[in-house]
Amino acid sequence: MKILLTGTAGFIGMHTALSLLRRGDTVVGIDNLNDYYDVQLKRARLACLAGDGNFRFIAMDIADRAAMAALFARERFERVIHLAAQAGVRYSLVNPEAYVDSNLVGFMSVLEGCRHHRVQHLVYASSSSVYGGNTRMPFAERDNVDHPVSLYAATKKANELMAHTYSHLYRLPTTGLRFFTVYGPWGRPDMAPFLFTRAILEGRPIDVFNHGQMQRDFTYVDDIVEAVVRVTDRVPETDSGYTVADPDPATSDAPYRVFNIGNHQPVALLDFIGCIEQRLGRRSEKRMLPMQPGDVPATYADTSALRQWIHFAPSTPLSEGIARFVDWYRDYYKA
């Protein structure tokens, strides 16, 4: 199968590309290699893919409408996995324009390419952040997500709405995946595992927000990728059980679906830090701080719909995933 994978130099993108290539797919990867975080890390990820004859990389910005249109016309992709986005909740407070360019304008370019060139299935990354201030746990796809608390979350909610419109108007099959706090080897430097590990090894204090009263549904990257690939292989159709009188936000009378991908096991932030400390064999100095704007105190994924759809749900224990991340970090940075 010929697949377009956007955000290939990203954390989840690289791992997804490896999985697709292992099973024999042809992957065309694009990424703009922006400097939101260390570009050298992104290039090192791409180097892991470069030796496979079924992989091609093109440096491209998804917000470049003309370049994207030409790419779709030239390549004739069968399926698209769209992972490119401006990530990060806190960064959206200081550079909101980046989120509009990538997450809205860029996503429109992807939708238009899929629409005009008969792509069989578009799978795209949404986020657990769409649940906003929701306090009912676990978060389920049928829950209301109309109250985002960050611009990043708002753009991801907008992606789901835009995808539904294209599924409805043009019968483009789309599936949105709400990722829950993904971690693992090759992870992003702005995420907690990376920040905590680096600070502990360098003997610096770590910032612990909301005075440690946080919970996250940490999800190991290999589980995320397994779900992404399985979802890509199952093209949604019209849900015969959908009723306009009692609408379910996660499904539709169009070929459209939305799923959570999480570990279904929320972990207290202090326990998470303790897991890193144990693997490093060092204690951390903690600087307790208040909740950050745009953040939420807890996330917890209901994965029953995903399990029913693809007969799989993430389950890697935190201790195992953290061990793999810490070992990768120490090897990559010779720490």
C-alpha atoms as a PDB file:
ATOM      1  CA  MET A   1       0.000   0.000   0.000  1.00  0.00           C
ATOM      2  CA  LYS A   2       1.189   3.533  -0.744  1.00  0.00           C
ATOM      3  CA  ILE A   3       0.754   5.782   2.280  1.00  0.00           C
ATOM      4  CA  LEU A   4       1.393   9.462   2.881  1.00  0.00           C
ATOM      5  CA  LEU A   5       2.653  10.007   6.422  1.00  0.00           C
ATOM      6  CA  THR A   6       2.805  13.633   7.531  1.00  0.00           C
ATOM      7  CA  GLY A   7       5.000  14.597  10.473  1.00  0.00           C
ATOM      8  CA  THR A   8       7.403  11.756   9.708  1.00  0.00           C
ATOM      9  CA  ALA A   9      10.295  13.363  11.578  1.00  0.00           C
ATOM     10  CA  GLY A  10       8.144  13.611  14.683  1.00  0.00           C
ATOM     11  CA  PHE A  11       8.104  11.245  17.636  1.00  0.00           C
ATOM     12  CA  ILE A  12       4.995   9.225  16.739  1.00  0.00           C
ATOM     13  CA  GLY A  13       5.624   9.735  13.023  1.00  0.00           C
ATOM     14  CA  MET A  14       9.001   8.000  13.033  1.00  0.00           C
ATOM     15  CA  HIS A  15       7.691   5.002  14.970  1.00  0.00           C
ATOM     16  CA  THR A  16       4.657   4.753  12.691  1.00  0.00           C
ATOM     17  CA  ALA A  17       6.849   4.833   9.600  1.00  0.00           C
ATOM     18  CA  LEU A  18       9.001   2.022  10.970  1.00  0.00           C
ATOM     19  CA  SER A  19       5.929  -0.132  11.601  1.00  0.00           C
ATOM     20  CA  LEU A  20       4.508   0.470   8.104  1.00  0.00           C
ATOM     21  CA  LEU A  21       7.844  -0.245   6.450  1.00  0.00           C
ATOM     22  CA  ARG A  22       8.293  -3.474   8.412  1.00  0.00           C
ATOM     23  CA  ARG A  23       5.109  -4.844   6.919  1.00  0.00           C
ATOM     24  CA  GLY A  24       6.052  -3.809   3.387  1.00  0.00           C
ATOM     25  CA  ASP A  25       4.105  -0.606   2.747  1.00  0.00           C
ATOM     26  CA  THR A  26       5.513   2.198   0.618  1.00  0.00           C
ATOM     27  CA  VAL A  27       5.768   5.335   2.749  1.00  0.00           C
ATOM     28  CA  VAL A  28       6.181   8.885   1.508  1.00  0.00           C
ATOM     29  CA  GLY A  29       7.010  10.998   4.540  1.00  0.00           C
ATOM     30  CA  ILE A  30       6.791  14.768   4.761  1.00  0.00           C
ATOM     31  CA  ASP A  31       7.827  17.186   7.511  1.00  0.00           C
ATOM     32  CA  ASN A  32       8.809  20.855   7.614  1.00  0.00           C
ATOM     33  CA  LEU A  33      11.537  20.214  10.216  1.00  0.00           C
ATOM     34  CA  ASN A  34      10.644  23.367  12.130  1.00  0.00           C
ATOM     35  CA  ASP A  35      12.643  24.501  15.141  1.00  0.00           C
ATOM     36  CA  TYR A  36       9.919  24.143  17.795  1.00  0.00           C
ATOM     37  CA  TYR A  37      12.414  21.733  19.350  1.00  0.00           C
ATOM     38  CA  ASP A  38      15.835  20.285  18.468  1.00  0.00           C
ATOM     39  CA  VAL A  39      15.999  19.813  14.690  1.00  0.00           C
ATOM     40  CA  GLN A  40      18.960  17.464  15.081  1.00  0.00           C
ATOM     41  CA  LEU A  41      16.736  15.026  16.980  1.00  0.00           C
ATOM     42  CA  LYS A  42      14.272  15.113  14.101  1.00  0.00           C
ATOM     43  CA  ARG A  43      17.059  14.435  11.599  1.00  0.00           C
ATOM     44  CA  ALA A  44      18.301  11.540  13.733  1.00  0.00           C
ATOM     45  CA  ARG A  45      14.820  10.031  13.618  1.00  0.00           C
ATOM     46  CA  LEU A  46      14.769  10.336   9.833  1.00  0.00           C
ATOM     47  CA  ALA A  47      18.157   8.615   9.690  1.00  0.00           C
ATOM     48  CA  CYS A  48      16.502   5.539  11.234  1.00  0.00           C
ATOM     49  CA  LEU A  49      14.244   5.347   8.174  1.00  0.00           C
ATOM     50  CA  ALA A  50      16.651   6.323   5.424  1.00  0.00           C
ATOM     51  CA  GLY A  51      17.978   2.860   4.589  1.00  0.00           C
ATOM     52  CA  ASP A  52      14.627   1.389   3.556  1.00  0.00           C
ATOM     53  CA  GLY A  53      13.974   1.373  -0.178  1.00  0.00           C
ATOM     54  CA  ASN A  54      10.242   1.773   0.368  1.00  0.00           C
ATOM     55  CA  PHE A  55      10.692   5.101   2.163  1.00  0.00           C
ATOM     56  CA  ARG A  56      11.049   8.568   0.655  1.00  0.00           C
ATOM     57  CA  PHE A  57      11.261  11.807   2.586  1.00  0.00           C
ATOM     58  CA  ILE A  58      10.198  15.199   1.258  1.00  0.00           C
ATOM     59  CA  ALA A  59      10.822  18.378   3.227  1.00  0.00           C
ATOM     60  CA  MET A  60       7.506  20.186   2.960  1.00  0.00           C
ATOM     61  CA  ASP A  61       5.152  22.348   4.992  1.00  0.00           C
ATOM     62  CA  ILE A  62       1.566  21.071   5.010  1.00  0.00           C
ATOM     63  CA  ALA A  63       0.385  24.698   5.028  1.00  0.00           C
ATOM     64  CA  ASP A  64       1.898  25.155   1.543  1.00  0.00           C
ATOM     65  CA  ARG A  65      -1.283  24.609  -0.447  1.00  0.00           C
ATOM     66  CA  ALA A  66       0.288  24.510  -3.896  1.00  0.00           C
ATOM     67  CA  ALA A  67       3.020  22.068  -2.880  1.00  0.00           C
ATOM     68  CA  MET A  68       0.512  19.801  -1.141  1.00  0.00           C
ATOM     69  CA  ALA A  69      -1.836  19.796  -4.127  1.00  0.00           C
ATOM     70  CA  ALA A  70       1.046  18.890  -6.437  1.00  0.00           C
ATOM     71  CA  LEU A  71       2.176  16.124  -4.075  1.00  0.00           C
ATOM     72  CA  PHE A  72      -1.243  14.470  -4.017  1.00  0.00           C
ATOM     73  CA  ALA A  73      -1.638  14.768  -7.793  1.00  0.00           C
ATOM     74  CA  ARG A  74       1.788  13.260  -8.424  1.00  0.00           C
ATOM     75  CA  GLU A  75       1.829  10.432  -5.898  1.00  0.00           C
ATOM     76  CA  ARG A  76      -1.760   9.093  -5.893  1.00  0.00           C
ATOM     77  CA  PHE A  77      -1.750   7.851  -2.309  1.00  0.00           C
ATOM     78  CA  GLU A  78      -4.100   5.077  -1.269  1.00  0.00           C
ATOM     79  CA  ARG A  79      -4.246   6.133   2.361  1.00  0.00           C
ATOM     80  CA  VAL A  80      -3.059   9.069   4.460  1.00  0.00           C
ATOM     81  CA  ILE A  81      -1.902   9.115   8.092  1.00  0.00           C
ATOM     82  CA  HIS A  82      -1.794  12.727   9.200  1.00  0.00           C
ATOM     83  CA  LEU A  83       0.345  13.274  12.294  1.00  0.00           C
ATOM     84  CA  ALA A  84       1.902  16.658  11.467  1.00  0.00           C
ATOM     85  CA  ALA A  85       0.794  19.463  13.771  1.00  0.00           C
ATOM     86  CA  GLN A  86       2.062  22.246  15.934  1.00  0.00           C
ATOM     87  CA  ALA A  87       2.131  20.442  19.263  1.00  0.00           C
ATOM     88  CA  GLY A  88       2.171  21.653  22.845  1.00  0.00           C
ATOM     89  CA  VAL A  89      -0.473  23.247  25.038  1.00  0.00           C
ATOM     90  CA  ARG A  90       1.750  25.844  26.716  1.00  0.00           C
ATOM     91  CA  TYR A  91       3.401  27.004  23.494  1.00  0.00           C
ATOM     92  CA  SER A  92      -0.044  27.867  22.116  1.00  0.00           C
ATOM     93  CA  LEU A  93      -0.246  30.632  24.722  1.00  0.00           C
ATOM     94  CA  VAL A  94       2.767  32.439  23.267  1.00  0.00           C
ATOM     95  CA  ASN A  95       2.619  31.606  19.538  1.00  0.00           C
ATOM     96  CA  PRO A  96      -1.016  31.025  18.582  1.00  0.00           C
ATOM     97  CA  GLU A  97      -0.406  31.796  14.904  1.00  0.00           C
ATOM     98  CA  ALA A  98       1.701  28.629  14.544  1.00  0.00           C
ATOM     99  CA  TYR A  99      -1.347  26.559  15.501  1.00  0.00           C
ATOM    100  CA  VAL A 100      -3.569  28.255  12.956  1.00  0.00           C
ATOM    101  CA  ASP A 101      -1.021  27.753  10.162  1.00  0.00           C
ATOM    102  CA  SER A 102      -0.253  24.094  10.857  1.00  0.00           C
ATOM    103  CA  ASN A 103      -3.331  22.686  12.554  1.00  0.00           C
ATOM    104  CA  LEU A 104      -6.015  24.502  10.577  1.00  0.00           C
ATOM    105  CA  VAL A 105      -4.570  25.656   7.242  1.00  0.00           C
ATOM    106  CA  GLY A 106      -2.366  22.567   7.021  1.00  0.00           C
ATOM    107  CA  PHE A 107      -5.194  20.194   7.847  1.00  0.00           C
ATOM    108  CA  MET A 108      -7.335  21.786   5.147  1.00  0.00           C
ATOM    109  CA  SER A 109      -4.574  21.075   2.614  1.00  0.00           C
ATOM    110  CA  VAL A 110      -4.617  17.420   3.661  1.00  0.00           C
ATOM    111  CA  LEU A 111      -8.414  17.194   3.421  1.00  0.00           C
ATOM    112  CA  GLU A 112      -8.436  18.781  -0.022  1.00  0.00           C
ATOM    113  CA  GLY A 113      -5.732  16.424  -1.271  1.00  0.00           C
ATOM    114  CA  CYS A 114      -7.677  13.416  -0.015  1.00  0.00           C
ATOM    115  CA  ARG A 115     -10.921  14.705  -1.495  1.00  0.00           C
ATOM    116  CA  HIS A 116      -9.616  15.363  -4.994  1.00  0.00           C
ATOM    117  CA  HIS A 117      -7.523  12.220  -5.355  1.00  0.00           C
ATOM    118  CA  ARG A 118      -9.807   9.490  -4.059  1.00  0.00           C
ATOM    119  CA  VAL A 119      -7.828   8.575  -0.943  1.00  0.00           C
ATOM    120  CA  GLN A 120      -9.382   5.458   0.577  1.00  0.00           C
ATOM    121  CA  HIS A 121      -8.969   6.501   4.216  1.00  0.00           C
ATOM    122  CA  LEU A 122      -7.648   9.499   6.138  1.00  0.00           C
ATOM    123  CA  VAL A 123      -6.447   8.788   9.687  1.00  0.00           C
ATOM    124  CA  TYR A 124      -5.472  11.890  11.649  1.00  0.00           C
ATOM    125  CA  ALA A 125      -4.171  12.741  15.104  1.00  0.00           C
ATOM    126  CA  SER A 126      -6.548  14.459  17.466  1.00  0.00           C
ATOM    127  CA  SER A 127      -5.782  14.790  21.180  1.00  0.00           C
ATOM    128  CA  SER A 128      -7.082  14.062  24.659  1.00  0.00           C
ATOM    129  CA  SER A 129      -6.900  17.830  25.171  1.00  0.00           C
ATOM    130  CA  VAL A 130     -10.250  18.176  23.358  1.00  0.00           C
ATOM    131  CA  TYR A 131     -11.954  17.041  26.586  1.00  0.00           C
ATOM    132  CA  GLY A 132     -10.998  20.386  28.116  1.00  0.00           C
ATOM    133  CA  GLY A 133     -12.497  20.966  31.537  1.00  0.00           C
ATOM    134  CA  ASN A 134     -14.430  17.680  31.543  1.00  0.00           C
ATOM    135  CA  THR A 135     -14.367  16.102  35.020  1.00  0.00           C
ATOM    136  CA  ARG A 136     -16.313  12.914  34.292  1.00  0.00           C
ATOM    137  CA  MET A 137     -13.866  10.023  34.256  1.00  0.00           C
ATOM    138  CA  PRO A 138     -12.922   8.125  32.204  1.00  0.00           C
ATOM    139  CA  PHE A 139     -13.145  10.360  29.137  1.00  0.00           C
ATOM    140  CA  ALA A 140     -15.397   8.696  26.567  1.00  0.00           C
ATOM    141  CA  GLU A 141     -15.811   9.595  22.913  1.00  0.00           C
ATOM    142  CA  ARG A 142     -19.520  10.221  23.452  1.00  0.00           C
ATOM    143  CA  ASP A 143     -18.753  12.999  25.983  1.00  0.00           C
ATOM    144  CA  ASN A 144     -19.263  16.645  25.103  1.00  0.00           C
ATOM    145  CA  VAL A 145     -16.033  18.347  23.989  1.00  0.00           C
ATOM    146  CA  ASP A 146     -17.304  21.873  23.368  1.00  0.00           C
ATOM    147  CA  HIS A 147     -15.276  23.577  26.103  1.00  0.00           C
ATOM    148  CA  PRO A 148     -11.544  23.483  25.227  1.00  0.00           C
ATOM    149  CA  VAL A 149      -9.168  25.242  27.633  1.00  0.00           C
ATOM    150  CA  SER A 150      -6.281  25.905  25.203  1.00  0.00           C
ATOM    151  CA  LEU A 151      -5.967  26.992  21.593  1.00  0.00           C
ATOM    152  CA  TYR A 152      -4.169  23.726  20.835  1.00  0.00           C
ATOM    153  CA  ALA A 153      -7.230  21.807  22.035  1.00  0.00           C
ATOM    154  CA  ALA A 154      -9.524  24.064  20.021  1.00  0.00           C
ATOM    155  CA  THR A 155      -7.590  23.348  16.819  1.00  0.00           C
ATOM    156  CA  LYS A 156      -7.803  19.606  17.433  1.00  0.00           C
ATOM    157  CA  LYS A 157     -11.552  19.839  18.015  1.00  0.00           C
ATOM    158  CA  ALA A 158     -11.750  21.885  14.806  1.00  0.00           C
ATOM    159  CA  ASN A 159      -9.924  19.091  12.959  1.00  0.00           C
ATOM    160  CA  GLU A 160     -12.608  16.623  14.016  1.00  0.00           C
ATOM    161  CA  LEU A 161     -15.337  18.990  12.790  1.00  0.00           C
ATOM    162  CA  MET A 162     -13.557  19.637   9.498  1.00  0.00           C
ATOM    163  CA  ALA A 163     -13.043  15.913   8.944  1.00  0.00           C
ATOM    164  CA  HIS A 164     -16.714  15.212   9.577  1.00  0.00           C
ATOM    165  CA  THR A 165     -17.692  17.846   7.040  1.00  0.00           C
ATOM    166  CA  TYR A 166     -15.571  16.169   4.359  1.00  0.00           C
ATOM    167  CA  SER A 167     -16.874  12.732   5.321  1.00  0.00           C
ATOM    168  CA  HIS A 168     -20.430  14.044   4.999  1.00  0.00           C
ATOM    169  CA  LEU A 169     -20.074  16.109   1.834  1.00  0.00           C
ATOM    170  CA  TYR A 170     -17.610  13.989  -0.140  1.00  0.00           C
ATOM    171  CA  ARG A 171     -17.947  10.555   1.520  1.00  0.00           C
ATOM    172  CA  LEU A 172     -14.257  10.672   2.433  1.00  0.00           C
ATOM    173  CA  PRO A 173     -13.679   8.024   5.131  1.00  0.00           C
ATOM    174  CA  THR A 174     -11.944   9.677   8.103  1.00  0.00           C
ATOM    175  CA  THR A 175     -10.877   8.452  11.529  1.00  0.00           C
ATOM    176  CA  GLY A 176      -9.654  10.759  14.293  1.00  0.00           C
ATOM    177  CA  LEU A 177      -7.475   9.447  17.101  1.00  0.00           C
ATOM    178  CA  ARG A 178      -7.382  11.203  20.463  1.00  0.00           C
ATOM    179  CA  PHE A 179      -3.908  10.435  21.797  1.00  0.00           C
ATOM    180  CA  PHE A 180      -3.352  10.409  25.561  1.00  0.00           C
ATOM    181  CA  THR A 181       0.120  11.575  26.777  1.00  0.00           C
ATOM    182  CA  VAL A 182       2.385   9.513  24.543  1.00  0.00           C
ATOM    183  CA  TYR A 183       5.900   8.672  25.773  1.00  0.00           C
ATOM    184  CA  GLY A 184       8.798   6.406  24.860  1.00  0.00           C
ATOM    185  CA  PRO A 185      12.180   6.347  23.067  1.00  0.00           C
ATOM    186  CA  TRP A 186      12.782   9.263  20.688  1.00  0.00           C
ATOM    187  CA  GLY A 187      10.178  11.313  22.576  1.00  0.00           C
ATOM    188  CA  ARG A 188       9.772  15.070  22.392  1.00  0.00           C
ATOM    189  CA  PRO A 189      12.094  17.232  24.537  1.00  0.00           C
ATOM    190  CA  ASP A 190       9.180  19.382  25.735  1.00  0.00           C
ATOM    191  CA  MET A 191       7.359  16.427  27.326  1.00  0.00           C
ATOM    192  CA  ALA A 192       7.536  15.399  30.982  1.00  0.00           C
ATOM    193  CA  PRO A 193       9.624  12.187  30.659  1.00  0.00           C
ATOM    194  CA  PHE A 194      12.316  14.047  28.752  1.00  0.00           C
ATOM    195  CA  LEU A 195      12.290  17.140  30.973  1.00  0.00           C
ATOM    196  CA  PHE A 196      12.385  15.145  34.202  1.00  0.00           C
ATOM    197  CA  THR A 197      15.076  12.713  33.059  1.00  0.00           C
ATOM    198  CA  ARG A 198      17.355  15.466  31.800  1.00  0.00           C
ATOM    199  CA  ALA A 199      16.958  17.585  34.943  1.00  0.00           C
ATOM    200  CA  ILE A 200      17.571  14.666  37.324  1.00  0.00           C
ATOM    201  CA  LEU A 201      20.718  13.579  35.467  1.00  0.00           C
ATOM    202  CA  GLU A 202      22.005  17.160  35.461  1.00  0.00           C
ATOM    203  CA  GLY A 203      21.259  17.642  39.147  1.00  0.00           C
ATOM    204  CA  ARG A 204      18.659  20.377  38.571  1.00  0.00           C
ATOM    205  CA  PRO A 205      15.249  20.652  40.255  1.00  0.00           C
ATOM    206  CA  ILE A 206      12.193  19.575  38.288  1.00  0.00           C
ATOM    207  CA  ASP A 207       9.058  21.674  37.945  1.00  0.00           C
ATOM    208  CA  VAL A 208       5.995  19.870  39.319  1.00  0.00           C
ATOM    209  CA  PHE A 209       2.790  21.689  38.448  1.00  0.00           C
ATOM    210  CA  ASN A 210      -0.414  21.845  40.473  1.00  0.00           C
ATOM    211  CA  HIS A 211       1.787  20.926  43.432  1.00  0.00           C
ATOM    212  CA  GLY A 212       1.923  17.355  42.183  1.00  0.00           C
ATOM    213  CA  GLN A 213      -1.845  16.859  42.178  1.00  0.00           C
ATOM    214  CA  MET A 214      -1.943  15.699  38.571  1.00  0.00           C
ATOM    215  CA  GLN A 215      -2.872  12.462  36.850  1.00  0.00           C
ATOM    216  CA  ARG A 216      -2.111  11.439  33.286  1.00  0.00           C
ATOM    217  CA  ASP A 217      -3.031   8.429  31.194  1.00  0.00           C
ATOM    218  CA  PHE A 218       0.548   7.827  29.988  1.00  0.00           C
ATOM    219  CA  THR A 219       0.533   5.717  26.814  1.00  0.00           C
ATOM    220  CA  TYR A 220       3.591   3.953  25.421  1.00  0.00           C
ATOM    221  CA  VAL A 221       4.448   4.825  21.832  1.00  0.00           C
ATOM    222  CA  ASP A 222       4.519   1.244  20.513  1.00  0.00           C
ATOM    223  CA  ASP A 223       0.923   0.802  21.677  1.00  0.00           C
ATOM    224  CA  ILE A 224      -0.063   4.038  19.970  1.00  0.00           C
ATOM    225  CA  VAL A 225       1.526   2.910  16.704  1.00  0.00           C
ATOM    226  CA  GLU A 226      -0.089  -0.529  16.836  1.00  0.00           C
ATOM    227  CA  ALA A 227      -3.476   1.141  17.188  1.00  0.00           C
ATOM    228  CA  VAL A 228      -2.773   3.683  14.423  1.00  0.00           C
ATOM    229  CA  VAL A 229      -1.828   0.972  11.932  1.00  0.00           C
ATOM    230  CA  ARG A 230      -4.776  -1.241  12.823  1.00  0.00           C
ATOM    231  CA  VAL A 231      -7.180   1.690  12.550  1.00  0.00           C
ATOM    232  CA  THR A 232      -5.713   2.619   9.162  1.00  0.00           C
ATOM    233  CA  ASP A 233      -6.561  -0.868   7.922  1.00  0.00           C
ATOM    234  CA  ARG A 234     -10.222  -0.582   8.934  1.00  0.00           C
ATOM    235  CA  VAL A 235     -12.028   1.948   6.769  1.00  0.00           C
ATOM    236  CA  PRO A 236     -15.130   3.391   8.453  1.00  0.00           C
ATOM    237  CA  GLU A 237     -18.517   3.188   6.837  1.00  0.00           C
ATOM    238  CA  THR A 238     -21.829   4.785   7.672  1.00  0.00           C
ATOM    239  CA  ASP A 239     -22.952   3.742  11.158  1.00  0.00           C
ATOM    240  CA  SER A 240     -26.314   2.030  10.693  1.00  0.00           C
ATOM    241  CA  GLY A 241     -27.094   2.603  14.366  1.00  0.00           C
ATOM    242  CA  TYR A 242     -26.590   6.360  14.229  1.00  0.00           C
ATOM    243  CA  THR A 243     -29.670   8.469  14.844  1.00  0.00           C
ATOM    244  CA  VAL A 244     -29.961  12.203  14.354  1.00  0.00           C
ATOM    245  CA  ALA A 245     -32.414  12.413  17.248  1.00  0.00           C
ATOM    246  CA  ASP A 246     -29.749  11.113  19.664  1.00  0.00           C
ATOM    247  CA  PRO A 247     -26.389  11.861  18.036  1.00  0.00           C
ATOM    248  CA  ASP A 248     -23.144  10.240  19.179  1.00  0.00           C
ATOM    249  CA  PRO A 249     -20.209  12.654  18.630  1.00  0.00           C
ATOM    250  CA  ALA A 250     -17.844   9.758  17.882  1.00  0.00           C
ATOM    251  CA  THR A 251     -19.758   8.320  14.936  1.00  0.00           C
ATOM    252  CA  SER A 252     -22.045   9.487  12.152  1.00  0.00           C
ATOM    253  CA  ASP A 253     -24.275   8.699   9.221  1.00  0.00           C
ATOM    254  CA  ALA A 254     -21.139   9.609   7.238  1.00  0.00           C
ATOM    255  CA  PRO A 255     -18.004   7.382   7.031  1.00  0.00           C
ATOM    256  CA  TYR A 256     -16.496   9.008  10.121  1.00  0.00           C
ATOM    257  CA  ARG A 257     -15.179   7.760  13.459  1.00  0.00           C
ATOM    258  CA  VAL A 258     -13.296   9.134  16.471  1.00  0.00           C
ATOM    259  CA  PHE A 259     -11.456   6.996  19.055  1.00  0.00           C
ATOM    260  CA  ASN A 260      -9.460   7.450  22.238  1.00  0.00           C
ATOM    261  CA  ILE A 261      -6.017   5.849  22.325  1.00  0.00           C
ATOM    262  CA  GLY A 262      -4.846   5.677  25.924  1.00  0.00           C
ATOM    263  CA  ASN A 263      -3.568   3.188  28.443  1.00  0.00           C
ATOM    264  CA  HIS A 264      -6.826   3.298  30.451  1.00  0.00           C
ATOM    265  CA  GLN A 265      -4.685   3.566  33.602  1.00  0.00           C
ATOM    266  CA  PRO A 266      -4.193   7.119  34.921  1.00  0.00           C
ATOM    267  CA  VAL A 267      -1.003   7.576  36.925  1.00  0.00           C
ATOM    268  CA  ALA A 268      -0.330  10.181  39.606  1.00  0.00           C
ATOM    269  CA  LEU A 269       2.416  12.557  38.499  1.00  0.00           C
ATOM    270  CA  LEU A 270       4.483  11.920  41.626  1.00  0.00           C
ATOM    271  CA  ASP A 271       4.329   8.162  40.977  1.00  0.00           C
ATOM    272  CA  PHE A 272       5.440   8.805  37.415  1.00  0.00           C
ATOM    273  CA  ILE A 273       8.418  10.792  38.678  1.00  0.00           C
ATOM    274  CA  GLY A 274       9.185   8.013  41.132  1.00  0.00           C
ATOM    275  CA  CYS A 275       9.325   5.524  38.266  1.00  0.00           C
ATOM    276  CA  ILE A 276      11.928   7.656  36.475  1.00  0.00           C
ATOM    277  CA  GLU A 277      13.924   8.078  39.691  1.00  0.00           C
ATOM    278  CA  GLN A 278      13.972   4.344  40.238  1.00  0.00           C
ATOM    279  CA  ARG A 279      15.279   3.619  36.747  1.00  0.00           C
ATOM    280  CA  LEU A 280      17.915   6.347  37.018  1.00  0.00           C
ATOM    281  CA  GLY A 281      18.906   5.362  40.533  1.00  0.00           C
ATOM    282  CA  ARG A 282      18.688   9.006  41.607  1.00  0.00           C
ATOM    283  CA  ARG A 283      16.295  11.160  43.603  1.00  0.00           C
ATOM    284  CA  SER A 284      14.916  14.408  42.228  1.00  0.00           C
ATOM    285  CA  GLU A 285      14.619  17.824  43.793  1.00  0.00           C
ATOM    286  CA  LYS A 286      11.045  19.001  43.196  1.00  0.00           C
ATOM    287  CA  ARG A 287       9.939  22.577  42.741  1.00  0.00           C
ATOM    288  CA  MET A 288       6.187  22.633  43.429  1.00  0.00           C
ATOM    289  CA  LEU A 289       4.321  25.123  41.242  1.00  0.00           C
ATOM    290  CA  PRO A 290       0.671  26.066  40.604  1.00  0.00           C
ATOM    291  CA  MET A 291      -1.385  24.779  37.686  1.00  0.00           C
ATOM    292  CA  GLN A 292      -0.370  26.219  34.331  1.00  0.00           C
ATOM    293  CA  PRO A 293      -2.904  28.041  32.112  1.00  0.00           C
ATOM    294  CA  GLY A 294      -4.509  25.688  29.598  1.00  0.00           C
ATOM    295  CA  ASP A 295      -3.616  22.575  31.609  1.00  0.00           C
ATOM    296  CA  VAL A 296      -6.020  20.072  33.189  1.00  0.00           C
ATOM    297  CA  PRO A 297      -5.623  18.140  36.456  1.00  0.00           C
ATOM    298  CA  ALA A 298      -6.338  14.662  35.079  1.00  0.00           C
ATOM    299  CA  THR A 299      -6.793  12.584  31.927  1.00  0.00           C
ATOM    300  CA  TYR A 300      -8.196   9.057  31.734  1.00  0.00           C
ATOM    301  CA  ALA A 301      -9.153   7.277  28.512  1.00  0.00           C
ATOM    302  CA  ASP A 302     -12.130   5.003  28.028  1.00  0.00           C
ATOM    303  CA  THR A 303     -10.775   2.654  25.339  1.00  0.00           C
ATOM    304  CA  SER A 304     -13.742   0.279  25.052  1.00  0.00           C
ATOM    305  CA  ALA A 305     -14.755   1.600  21.615  1.00  0.00           C
ATOM    306  CA  LEU A 306     -11.223   1.221  20.263  1.00  0.00           C
ATOM    307  CA  ARG A 307     -10.956  -2.315  21.632  1.00  0.00           C
ATOM    308  CA  GLN A 308     -14.224  -3.265  19.947  1.00  0.00           C
ATOM    309  CA  TRP A 309     -13.180  -1.656  16.643  1.00  0.00           C
ATOM    310  CA  ILE A 310      -9.688  -3.159  16.219  1.00  0.00           C
ATOM    311  CA  HIS A 311      -9.504  -5.823  18.985  1.00  0.00           C
ATOM    312  CA  PHE A 312      -6.616  -3.987  20.614  1.00  0.00           C
ATOM    313  CA  ALA A 313      -6.001  -1.382  23.276  1.00  0.00           C
ATOM    314  CA  PRO A 314      -2.748  -0.102  24.837  1.00  0.00           C
ATOM    315  CA  SER A 315      -1.510  -2.011  27.875  1.00  0.00           C
ATOM    316  CA  THR A 316       2.266  -1.506  28.290  1.00  0.00           C
ATOM    317  CA  PRO A 317       3.027  -1.083  32.027  1.00  0.00           C
ATOM    318  CA  LEU A 318       4.505   2.272  32.962  1.00  0.00           C
ATOM    319  CA  SER A 319       7.570   0.710  34.582  1.00  0.00           C
ATOM    320  CA  GLU A 320       8.407  -1.106  31.343  1.00  0.00           C
ATOM    321  CA  GLY A 321       7.846   1.917  29.134  1.00  0.00           C
ATOM    322  CA  ILE A 322       9.842   4.264  31.364  1.00  0.00           C
ATOM    323  CA  ALA A 323      12.725   1.794  31.484  1.00  0.00           C
ATOM    324  CA  ARG A 324      12.875   1.752  27.691  1.00  0.00           C
ATOM    325  CA  PHE A 325      12.724   5.539  27.498  1.00  0.00           C
ATOM    326  CA  VAL A 326      15.429   6.118  30.118  1.00  0.00           C
ATOM    327  CA  ASP A 327      17.708   3.541  28.517  1.00  0.00           C
ATOM    328  CA  TRP A 328      17.258   5.196  25.119  1.00  0.00           C
ATOM    329  CA  TYR A 329      17.911   8.642  26.598  1.00  0.00           C
ATOM    330  CA  ARG A 330      21.136   7.578  28.296  1.00  0.00           C
ATOM    331  CA  ASP A 331      22.354   5.895  25.141  1.00  0.00           C
ATOM    332  CA  TYR A 332      21.415   8.720  22.747  1.00  0.00           C
ATOM    333  CA  TYR A 333      22.837  11.498  24.912  1.00  0.00           C
ATOM    334  CA  LYS A 334      25.635   9.377  26.434  1.00  0.00           C
ATOM    335  CA  ALA A 335      24.265  10.464  29.819  1.00  0.00           C
END
